[in-house]
Amino acid sequence: MDEIIFLVQGSAPEPYRVQFKKSGNNLTAHCTCPAGIVRQICKHRTRILHGSTEGIVSGNERDVATTASWLAGSDVEDALRNLGAGEERLAAAQKEVSNLKKNLARVLAS
């Protein structure tokens, strides 16, 4: 099993501990931020998986590339891809609703 740990500065005074473990095709990631503690998705884990070094204060920024490479072929890859697609659909729906509201405002004003 491979393991990499990062310290990431978030909104709390103390950095969050972000731990990634890879065993075969299984990839796990844990974070000590409030969202991570209650097993919700957090930006600290997803940023690292997307190759971002933002906020890392543990001095091992080079390990981000290794961690990001673990995503390919893992059980997390599809879930992360599906989340991205869902976020794109949400953004399109929000834009559509905004346009519909503008249209309603025009109709009401005429």
Protein backbone atom coordinates (compact mmCIF):
# COMPACT_ATOMS: atom_id res chain seq x y z
CA MET A 1 0.00 0.00 0.00
CA ASP A 2 1.22 3.46 -0.91
CA GLU A 3 0.48 6.46 1.27
CA ILE A 4 1.05 10.20 0.98
CA ILE A 5 0.12 12.79 3.60
CA PHE A 6 -0.16 16.53 3.03
CA LEU A 7 -0.70 19.40 5.43
CA VAL A 8 -2.99 21.94 3.81
CA GLN A 9 -3.71 25.38 5.20
CA GLY A 10 -7.42 26.00 5.23
CA SER A 11 -9.60 28.41 7.15
CA ALA A 12 -8.58 27.04 10.57
CA PRO A 13 -5.38 28.19 12.30
CA GLU A 14 -3.93 24.68 12.19
CA PRO A 15 -3.39 23.05 8.77
CA TYR A 16 -5.62 20.13 7.81
CA ARG A 17 -4.10 16.67 7.41
CA VAL A 18 -4.96 15.18 4.02
CA GLN A 19 -4.08 11.51 3.65
CA PHE A 20 -4.19 9.47 0.44
CA LYS A 21 -3.78 5.71 0.31
CA LYS A 22 -3.58 3.51 -2.78
CA SER A 23 -3.89 -0.25 -2.76
CA GLY A 24 -4.34 -1.80 -6.19
CA ASN A 25 -7.23 0.04 -7.85
CA ASN A 26 -8.58 1.30 -4.53
CA LEU A 27 -7.86 4.90 -3.63
CA THR A 28 -8.92 6.45 -0.33
CA ALA A 29 -8.57 10.03 0.83
CA HIS A 30 -9.24 11.48 4.26
CA CYS A 31 -9.09 15.09 5.43
CA THR A 32 -9.35 16.57 8.90
CA CYS A 33 -11.31 19.62 7.72
CA PRO A 34 -14.92 19.95 8.96
CA ALA A 35 -16.37 18.51 5.72
CA GLY A 36 -13.89 15.66 5.67
CA ILE A 37 -14.57 14.71 9.27
CA VAL A 38 -18.26 14.15 8.49
CA ARG A 39 -17.34 12.18 5.33
CA GLN A 40 -18.38 14.85 2.84
CA ILE A 41 -16.36 15.88 -0.17
CA CYS A 42 -13.88 18.67 0.46
CA LYS A 43 -11.88 20.95 -1.79
CA HIS A 44 -8.59 19.92 -0.17
CA ARG A 45 -8.80 16.35 -1.48
CA THR A 46 -10.26 17.20 -4.86
CA ARG A 47 -7.73 19.97 -5.52
CA ILE A 48 -4.86 17.57 -4.92
CA LEU A 49 -6.46 14.90 -7.11
CA HIS A 50 -6.72 17.52 -9.85
CA GLY A 51 -3.00 18.33 -9.44
CA SER A 52 -3.26 21.58 -7.49
CA THR A 53 -0.68 22.46 -4.84
CA GLU A 54 -2.79 25.33 -3.46
CA GLY A 55 -2.53 25.64 0.31
CA ILE A 56 0.00 22.83 0.83
CA VAL A 57 2.33 23.77 3.70
CA SER A 58 3.97 20.41 4.33
CA GLY A 59 6.72 21.02 1.77
CA ASN A 60 5.90 17.97 -0.36
CA GLU A 61 4.26 19.70 -3.31
CA ARG A 62 6.07 17.30 -5.67
CA ASP A 63 3.98 14.44 -4.25
CA VAL A 64 0.83 16.04 -5.70
CA ALA A 65 1.74 14.74 -9.17
CA THR A 66 2.16 11.24 -7.79
CA THR A 67 -1.14 11.41 -5.93
CA ALA A 68 -2.94 12.77 -8.99
CA SER A 69 -1.50 9.91 -11.06
CA TRP A 70 -3.13 7.41 -8.69
CA LEU A 71 -6.53 8.57 -9.92
CA ALA A 72 -6.21 6.83 -13.31
CA GLY A 73 -7.81 3.40 -13.16
CA SER A 74 -8.90 3.84 -9.54
CA ASP A 75 -12.36 3.35 -8.14
CA VAL A 76 -12.48 7.13 -7.55
CA GLU A 77 -11.87 8.11 -11.18
CA ASP A 78 -15.44 7.46 -12.41
CA ALA A 79 -17.01 9.06 -9.34
CA LEU A 80 -14.94 12.22 -9.83
CA ARG A 81 -15.72 12.29 -13.56
CA ASN A 82 -19.44 11.86 -12.83
CA LEU A 83 -19.31 14.69 -10.30
CA GLY A 84 -17.72 16.97 -12.90
CA ALA A 85 -20.42 16.10 -15.44
CA GLY A 86 -23.12 16.73 -12.84
CA GLU A 87 -21.62 20.11 -11.99
CA GLU A 88 -21.63 21.02 -15.70
CA ARG A 89 -25.32 20.06 -15.99
CA LEU A 90 -26.09 22.09 -12.86
CA ALA A 91 -24.33 25.16 -14.26
CA ALA A 92 -26.30 24.82 -17.52
CA ALA A 93 -29.57 24.49 -15.57
CA GLN A 94 -28.73 27.54 -13.44
CA LYS A 95 -28.03 29.56 -16.60
CA GLU A 96 -31.33 28.41 -18.10
CA VAL A 97 -33.26 29.39 -14.96
CA SER A 98 -31.57 32.78 -14.94
CA ASN A 99 -32.61 33.36 -18.56
CA LEU A 100 -36.17 32.25 -17.78
CA LYS A 101 -36.34 34.71 -14.87
CA LYS A 102 -35.12 37.52 -17.13
CA ASN A 103 -37.76 36.59 -19.68
CA LEU A 104 -40.48 36.58 -16.98
CA ALA A 105 -39.31 40.03 -15.82
CA ARG A 106 -39.53 41.33 -19.43
CA VAL A 107 -43.04 39.87 -19.86
CA LEU A 108 -44.23 41.31 -16.56
CA ALA A 109 -42.85 44.75 -17.45
CA SER A 110 -44.51 44.95 -20.88
